[in-house]
N, C-alpha and C. Protein backbone atom coordinates (compact mmCIF):
# COMPACT_ATOMS: atom_id res chain seq x y z
N UNK A 1 0.69 -1.01 -0.25
CA UNK A 1 -0.26 -0.22 0.21
C UNK A 1 0.77 1.04 0.30
N UNK A 2 0.49 2.22 -0.93
CA UNK A 2 1.78 3.15 -1.21
C UNK A 2 0.65 4.32 -1.09
N UNK A 3 1.19 5.53 -0.13
CA UNK A 3 0.06 6.71 -0.13
C UNK A 3 0.78 7.75 -1.17
N UNK A 4 -0.46 8.23 -1.94
CA UNK A 4 -0.11 8.92 -2.79
C UNK A 4 0.05 10.58 -1.95
N UNK A 5 0.96 11.37 -2.89
CA UNK A 5 1.36 12.66 -2.14
C UNK A 5 -0.23 13.19 -2.88
N UNK A 6 -0.40 14.96 -2.56
CA UNK A 6 -1.34 15.61 -2.84
C UNK A 6 -0.84 16.42 -4.20
N UNK A 7 -1.65 17.58 -4.47
CA UNK A 7 -1.32 17.90 -5.74
C UNK A 7 -0.09 18.23 -6.28
N UNK A 8 0.66 18.90 -5.14
CA UNK A 8 2.23 19.23 -5.62
C UNK A 8 2.86 17.80 -5.32
N UNK A 9 2.37 16.64 -5.00
CA UNK A 9 3.86 15.42 -5.23
C UNK A 9 4.52 15.36 -3.95
N UNK A 10 4.61 16.43 -2.69
CA UNK A 10 5.50 16.16 -1.91
C UNK A 10 4.42 15.89 -0.61
N UNK A 11 4.49 14.63 0.10
CA UNK A 11 4.13 14.85 1.39
C UNK A 11 4.37 15.25 2.22
N UNK A 12 5.79 16.25 2.09
CA UNK A 12 5.85 16.96 3.20
C UNK A 12 4.88 18.00 3.23
N UNK A 13 5.22 18.05 2.13
CA UNK A 13 4.04 19.76 1.61
C UNK A 13 2.62 19.32 1.96
N UNK A 14 2.13 18.13 1.80
CA UNK A 14 0.79 17.86 2.00
C UNK A 14 0.15 18.31 3.66
N UNK A 15 1.67 17.54 4.38
CA UNK A 15 1.21 17.64 6.00
C UNK A 15 1.19 19.19 6.29
N UNK A 16 2.18 19.71 6.26
CA UNK A 16 2.04 21.07 5.93
C UNK A 16 1.48 21.75 5.90
N UNK A 17 0.24 21.70 4.50
CA UNK A 17 -1.02 22.46 4.31
C UNK A 17 -2.32 21.46 5.18
N UNK A 18 -1.89 20.47 5.84
CA UNK A 18 -3.05 20.58 6.71
C UNK A 18 -3.82 19.40 6.32
N UNK A 19 -3.32 18.52 5.00
CA UNK A 19 -3.89 17.60 4.40
C UNK A 19 -3.57 16.35 4.96
N UNK A 20 -4.76 15.75 5.31
CA UNK A 20 -4.12 14.48 5.95
C UNK A 20 -5.49 13.57 5.76
N UNK A 21 -5.14 12.39 5.39
CA UNK A 21 -5.87 10.79 5.22
C UNK A 21 -5.68 10.22 6.28
N UNK A 22 -7.00 9.57 6.72
CA UNK A 22 -7.14 8.56 7.35
C UNK A 22 -6.44 6.84 6.56
N UNK A 23 -5.64 5.99 7.84
CA UNK A 23 -5.36 5.01 6.90
C UNK A 23 -6.29 3.77 7.93
N UNK A 24 -7.66 3.27 7.07
CA UNK A 24 -7.70 2.42 7.63
C UNK A 24 -6.65 0.94 7.80
N UNK A 25 -6.69 0.55 8.86
CA UNK A 25 -5.74 -1.11 9.15
C UNK A 25 -5.96 -1.74 10.31
N UNK A 26 -6.69 -2.90 9.29
CA UNK A 26 -6.97 -3.72 10.60
C UNK A 26 -5.72 -4.83 10.82
N UNK A 27 -5.45 -4.56 12.37
CA UNK A 27 -4.52 -4.96 13.07
C UNK A 27 -4.19 -6.47 13.35
N UNK A 28 -5.40 -6.88 13.21
CA UNK A 28 -5.75 -8.25 13.44
C UNK A 28 -5.26 -9.37 12.40
N UNK A 29 -4.17 -10.08 12.77
CA UNK A 29 -3.87 -10.83 11.27
C UNK A 29 -4.96 -12.07 11.49
N UNK A 30 -5.13 -12.88 10.40
CA UNK A 30 -5.33 -13.76 9.99
C UNK A 30 -5.21 -14.59 10.48
N UNK A 31 -6.41 -16.14 10.81
CA UNK A 31 -5.75 -17.46 11.41
C UNK A 31 -4.95 -18.29 10.52
N UNK A 32 -3.38 -17.67 11.55
CA UNK A 32 -2.82 -18.97 10.83
C UNK A 32 -1.74 -18.14 10.08
N UNK A 33 -1.83 -16.66 9.52
CA UNK A 33 -1.30 -16.63 8.79
C UNK A 33 0.04 -16.08 8.91
N UNK A 34 0.28 -15.97 9.90
CA UNK A 34 1.83 -15.51 10.36
C UNK A 34 2.43 -16.18 11.62
N UNK A 35 1.61 -17.43 12.09
CA UNK A 35 2.06 -18.74 13.31
C UNK A 35 2.40 -17.41 14.31
N UNK A 36 1.55 -16.41 14.55
CA UNK A 36 1.84 -15.56 15.76
C UNK A 36 3.22 -14.77 15.78
N UNK A 37 4.00 -14.45 14.95
CA UNK A 37 4.95 -13.56 14.37
C UNK A 37 4.45 -12.44 13.61
N UNK A 38 5.09 -11.17 14.83
CA UNK A 38 4.90 -9.86 13.97
C UNK A 38 6.06 -9.11 13.28
N UNK A 39 5.70 -9.40 12.13
CA UNK A 39 6.35 -8.59 10.77
C UNK A 39 6.66 -6.93 11.27
N UNK A 40 8.07 -6.88 10.84
CA UNK A 40 8.31 -5.62 11.24
C UNK A 40 7.20 -4.27 9.85
N UNK A 41 7.20 -4.97 9.04
CA UNK A 41 6.14 -4.19 7.87
C UNK A 41 4.66 -4.33 8.87
N UNK A 42 4.48 -5.12 9.64
CA UNK A 42 3.07 -4.55 9.99
C UNK A 42 2.86 -3.37 11.25
N UNK A 43 4.15 -3.46 12.12
CA UNK A 43 4.01 -2.80 13.11
C UNK A 43 4.13 -1.14 12.46
N UNK A 44 5.47 -1.16 11.45
CA UNK A 44 5.96 -0.06 10.85
C UNK A 44 3.94 0.82 9.92
N UNK A 45 3.27 -0.24 9.73
CA UNK A 45 1.83 0.04 9.07
C UNK A 45 1.03 0.36 9.69
N UNK A 46 1.15 -0.31 11.04
CA UNK A 46 -0.25 0.35 12.08
C UNK A 46 0.45 1.74 12.77
N UNK A 47 2.01 1.79 13.20
CA UNK A 47 2.22 3.10 13.80
C UNK A 47 2.41 3.97 12.85
N UNK A 48 2.35 3.89 11.70
CA UNK A 48 1.94 5.11 10.35
C UNK A 48 0.80 5.78 10.81
N UNK A 49 -0.23 4.83 10.65
CA UNK A 49 -1.54 4.64 10.91
C UNK A 49 -2.14 5.82 12.03
N UNK A 50 -1.39 5.36 13.49
CA UNK A 50 -1.44 5.86 14.72
C UNK A 50 -1.02 7.65 14.06
N UNK A 51 0.20 7.54 13.82
CA UNK A 51 0.63 9.00 13.83
C UNK A 51 0.01 9.76 12.74
N UNK A 52 -0.49 8.96 11.53
CA UNK A 52 -1.44 10.28 10.76
C UNK A 52 -2.83 10.52 11.71
N UNK A 53 -3.06 9.57 12.29
CA UNK A 53 -4.57 9.89 13.10
C UNK A 53 -4.45 11.27 14.48
N UNK A 54 -2.96 11.25 14.57
CA UNK A 54 -2.74 12.08 15.06
C UNK A 54 -2.63 13.57 14.94
N UNK A 55 -2.61 13.60 13.65
CA UNK A 55 -2.09 14.88 12.92
C UNK A 55 -0.59 14.85 12.45
N UNK A 56 0.01 13.67 12.41
CA UNK A 56 1.21 13.44 11.44
C UNK A 56 2.60 14.71 12.26
N UNK A 57 2.48 14.81 13.79
CA UNK A 57 3.32 15.72 13.88
C UNK A 57 4.53 15.27 13.88
N UNK A 58 5.29 16.41 13.99
CA UNK A 58 6.78 16.34 14.19
C UNK A 58 7.50 15.33 15.50
N UNK A 59 8.14 14.88 15.86
CA UNK A 59 9.25 14.25 16.72
C UNK A 59 8.71 12.98 17.55
N UNK A 60 9.08 11.89 17.77
CA UNK A 60 8.58 11.35 18.79
C UNK A 60 7.81 9.82 17.71
N UNK A 61 8.69 9.52 17.40
CA UNK A 61 7.56 8.37 16.02
C UNK A 61 8.07 7.21 17.00
N UNK A 62 8.91 7.21 18.25
CA UNK A 62 8.60 5.57 18.98
C UNK A 62 7.35 5.66 19.91
N UNK A 63 6.76 6.42 20.32
CA UNK A 63 5.26 6.82 20.49
C UNK A 63 4.44 5.81 19.95
N UNK A 64 4.31 6.04 18.53
CA UNK A 64 3.74 5.24 17.64
C UNK A 64 3.90 4.49 17.42
N UNK A 65 5.29 3.74 17.52
CA UNK A 65 5.66 2.34 17.11
C UNK A 65 5.79 1.23 17.89
N UNK A 66 5.66 2.10 19.91
CA UNK A 66 6.07 1.22 20.47
C UNK A 66 4.48 0.96 20.96
N UNK A 67 3.08 1.96 20.56
CA UNK A 67 2.20 1.41 20.80
C UNK A 67 1.42 0.57 19.68
N UNK A 68 2.20 0.38 18.83
CA UNK A 68 1.96 -0.54 17.39
C UNK A 68 1.93 -2.04 17.61
N UNK A 69 3.20 -1.70 18.37
CA UNK A 69 4.27 -2.99 18.47
C UNK A 69 3.33 -3.40 19.73
N UNK A 70 3.11 -3.23 20.86
CA UNK A 70 2.00 -3.61 22.48
C UNK A 70 1.04 -4.05 21.74
N UNK A 71 0.35 -3.23 20.68
CA UNK A 71 -1.02 -3.80 20.36
C UNK A 71 -1.02 -4.80 19.58
N UNK A 72 -0.27 -5.00 18.56
CA UNK A 72 0.00 -6.45 17.74
C UNK A 72 0.22 -7.34 18.85
N UNK A 73 1.49 -7.33 19.49
CA UNK A 73 1.90 -8.65 20.64
C UNK A 73 0.19 -9.03 21.29
N UNK A 74 -0.54 -7.74 22.03
CA UNK A 74 -1.09 -8.36 22.47
C UNK A 74 -2.32 -9.10 21.77
N UNK A 75 -2.42 -8.57 20.23
CA UNK A 75 -3.38 -9.63 19.60
C UNK A 75 -2.97 -10.76 19.50
N UNK A 76 -1.84 -11.18 19.15
CA UNK A 76 -1.11 -12.82 19.07
C UNK A 76 -1.26 -13.35 20.32
N UNK A 77 -1.47 -13.04 21.00
CA UNK A 77 -0.75 -13.72 22.29
C UNK A 77 -2.30 -13.58 22.90
N UNK A 78 -3.64 -12.93 22.58
CA UNK A 78 -4.75 -13.73 23.01
C UNK A 78 -5.35 -14.68 22.75
N UNK A 79 -5.80 -15.84 23.54
CA UNK A 79 -6.75 -16.61 23.09
C UNK A 79 -7.78 -16.53 22.00
N UNK A 80 -7.48 -17.58 21.00
CA UNK A 80 -8.35 -17.51 19.96
C UNK A 80 -9.83 -17.56 20.35
N UNK A 81 -10.71 -17.21 19.99
CA UNK A 81 -12.20 -17.22 20.40
C UNK A 81 -12.92 -18.21 19.62
């Protein structure tokens, strides 16, 4: 999945102009899809969606990364329904 830049073609200028798009990401893995292993790309995708939801602020990307990592860890360790 690739985010398209706005009319100017520069994602940085889009963020500066206030143009924000929400990214819907379902962090729940499909049953048996990755055997409980959390992939770097999964964390990155979810962290990016958290960052966008916060309005693309500067600084502290670790906050979104750790939140995403903990959410995915919680979901993979939860008992199956």
